[in-house]
Amino acid sequence: MKINVPIDDARFGEPEVRDGKIAMTPVGAAPKTRPEPPASATATLPAADGAPSKPTQPESTESHNVVGVVEVNFPNFAHCSIEELQQTVLELKGLRPSADQEKLPSLLEKVGARMLDLARNTPNLISRETVIDSPQQAEATKRAYDYLILPHIDGTMVRLDEFRLDLKSGDKFESDEALTTESSLRDSLQRASNEINTSKGYRPLTQGFATSWVHFYPFNQTRATYRYLGEQKRDGHHTLVLAFVEKPELALLPAVFRYHDKTAPMFMQGIAWVDPSDFRILRLRTDLLSPVPEVSLQRLTADIQFGLTRIEQVASPLPLPREVAITAVVGGSTMREVHEYSGYRLFRARSKVVPLP
């Protein structure tokens, strides 16, 4: 699943069912054991060509009772006032609002072209992913994975596929010579990635951050509403600030969220901070367009920071994810994760061609 800025030190009372009645756990009461995230909760994010990446978890056939919770309603980022937007997106403090939308068409064209160039020039990459899980009122845990980004060209379309592997599997794929074709490599990587994301106990909530700029990809620009918000100095950079809101009626294959035995589409909106010198996205925040009550999803936001990264044997630095802060409210529980990415390098899976019988 995909998420954003941590809620400012907020603490939540969670509803519980006791003897057939709903009761609230006092906010100050710490649980005796580490709370587990809701079973079978996962989000699938769209790929760069508008199609969703493969689901990270299968649907459960069990039936569960989900306690109703108060929904969180967001303003529409494309139409609300700047004041209302700043109250929701605290990162916009210090924004110098634009008086009109004259710069929007040219800015979208340049950002779209930059995203297309990025997709075409990204090689097969592998990095170390550290996931820090901070459950409510419990000690944080840290786990490490190998994270792969593989471009896939289909005609004029470019997609970046992403896979999460345990460290042993990541090493195996780089050293074995058991794979025969690109398709067999991707199938094997997908199976290994699914094993991580469907394993019992803790598993990361989401993946798909490297292609989170999908909403500004040229192919998708007709499927969202955009707004030029203005200029802002952010993280030491002068930036141009854009908002986007997906059009649910035009989404070809929207992102999906799975919770227990239910699946529902989810539509996103967000804010992008763009470098005016080369029109790459420096930072991206995404939020739900509206809650998804069918799967008890009240909030799903992500704060994604990109950084220029030099890769050995790659001519130009690539803007790649460095840190992603995730917050979700689903089924009455709040979940937070931080994903950190380091050690990007070329991924070279050894392969040998086997003649067809």
Foldseek 3Di string as FASTA:
>chain_A
DFFADDDDPDFDWFWDQDPNDTDTDPRPDADPDFDFDFPPKAKWACWLLLHTADTLEDAAPDDDDFDDDDFDAADQPQDDDPVSVCVVVVLCPFFDFDPDCPCPVVLLVLLQVLLLVQLVQDAKKKWKKKKWWDFHNDDIDIDIWIKIWHWDDDPPDITIHIATAHPVVLVCQQPDAPDADPVSSVVVRSVRRSCQSHPPTDHDHYDDQQRPVSCSHPSNVVQKDKGFTGWGQHPNATWTKMKIWGRVVPRPHAMWIHGHNDIDGWTKIWMFTAHPVRGYTQKIKMWTNTADVRQQWRIKMKIWGWDFADEPPRDGTHTGTAKMWIWTQGSRTIIIMMMGIDDMYHRHGHYDHDDDD
